[in-house]
Amino acid sequence: MPLFFCYFCIKCKQISIKIVTGYAKSSRSSCKKCSEAIADKSLRVGSLSNERGRDFTRWYHPDCFPTDSQPIISLDEIDGFSSLKF
């Protein structure tokens, strides 16, 4: 079933959100919660959403990621988790 975007009614707007993780490729990205820079090669967590036909990733520090609004049920739901170094 395709997503239906209604620009006049927020209640019927559907946005798919995916959780991603990985290491920062540079220090250019900033955390969308605290606005601080995410250091090069440091762990970051993002929410990938498709809005108006474009993909957007909002990056966060792991401690800043809003888990209350985007509950994580299984680690399998997080893209890139299996490639993290522990």
Protein backbone atom coordinates (compact mmCIF):
# COMPACT_ATOMS: atom_id res chain seq x y z
CA MET A 1 0.00 0.00 0.00
CA PRO A 2 1.59 3.32 -1.03
CA LEU A 3 1.96 6.14 1.44
CA PHE A 4 -0.61 8.90 1.08
CA PHE A 5 0.58 12.44 1.74
CA CYS A 6 -2.05 15.00 2.63
CA TYR A 7 -0.55 18.47 2.95
CA PHE A 8 -3.66 19.94 4.55
CA CYS A 9 -4.40 17.41 7.27
CA ILE A 10 -1.60 16.28 9.58
CA LYS A 11 -3.72 13.44 11.00
CA CYS A 12 -3.84 11.55 7.73
CA LYS A 13 -0.19 12.13 6.80
CA GLN A 14 1.83 8.93 7.04
CA ILE A 15 5.60 9.06 7.38
CA SER A 16 7.70 5.92 7.53
CA ILE A 17 10.61 6.16 9.97
CA LYS A 18 13.60 3.83 10.09
CA ILE A 19 16.36 3.80 12.73
CA VAL A 20 19.96 3.70 11.49
CA THR A 21 23.33 3.72 13.21
CA GLY A 22 26.96 3.95 12.25
CA TYR A 23 30.12 5.93 12.69
CA ALA A 24 30.34 9.55 11.56
CA LYS A 25 32.25 9.90 8.29
CA SER A 26 33.31 13.44 9.21
CA SER A 27 32.62 16.00 11.93
CA ARG A 28 30.15 17.96 9.77
CA SER A 29 26.94 16.42 11.14
CA SER A 30 25.33 17.84 14.26
CA CYS A 31 23.00 16.31 16.82
CA LYS A 32 19.39 17.33 16.23
CA LYS A 33 18.68 17.42 19.98
CA CYS A 34 21.65 19.24 21.54
CA SER A 35 22.96 20.90 18.32
CA GLU A 36 26.55 19.92 19.18
CA ALA A 37 28.81 18.51 16.47
CA ILE A 38 29.11 14.74 16.18
CA ALA A 39 32.84 13.99 16.17
CA ASP A 40 34.50 12.22 13.25
CA LYS A 41 34.39 8.40 13.58
CA SER A 42 32.16 8.54 16.67
CA LEU A 43 28.99 6.50 17.02
CA ARG A 44 25.79 8.19 15.91
CA VAL A 45 22.14 7.11 15.75
CA GLY A 46 19.71 8.46 13.22
CA SER A 47 16.10 8.43 12.21
CA LEU A 48 15.62 8.06 8.48
CA SER A 49 12.28 9.29 7.22
CA ASN A 50 10.77 9.84 3.82
CA GLU A 51 8.98 13.16 3.62
CA ARG A 52 7.55 14.59 0.42
CA GLY A 53 9.39 11.98 -1.63
CA ARG A 54 12.86 12.66 -0.17
CA ASP A 55 14.86 10.73 2.41
CA PHE A 56 16.06 12.67 5.45
CA THR A 57 18.38 11.41 8.19
CA ARG A 58 18.35 13.25 11.48
CA TRP A 59 21.52 12.32 13.38
CA TYR A 60 21.85 12.23 17.17
CA HIS A 61 24.44 11.35 19.79
CA PRO A 62 23.46 7.95 21.25
CA ASP A 63 22.50 9.57 24.59
CA CYS A 64 20.41 12.23 22.83
CA PHE A 65 18.36 9.87 20.63
CA PRO A 66 14.63 10.23 21.45
CA THR A 67 13.71 6.64 22.34
CA ASP A 68 10.39 7.66 23.88
CA SER A 69 8.98 8.80 20.53
CA GLN A 70 10.62 6.00 18.52
CA PRO A 71 10.63 2.82 20.63
CA ILE A 72 13.11 0.15 19.58
CA ILE A 73 11.59 -3.32 19.82
CA SER A 74 14.48 -5.36 18.42
CA LEU A 75 18.09 -4.68 17.45
CA ASP A 76 17.26 -6.21 14.07
CA GLU A 77 15.22 -3.06 13.37
CA ILE A 78 18.34 -0.87 13.45
CA ASP A 79 20.13 -0.64 10.11
CA GLY A 80 23.90 -0.81 10.56
CA PHE A 81 23.82 -2.34 14.06
CA SER A 82 25.52 -5.56 12.96
CA SER A 83 28.53 -3.62 11.62
CA LEU A 84 29.27 -1.83 14.92
CA LYS A 85 32.50 -2.63 16.76
CA PHE A 86 32.16 -3.70 20.42
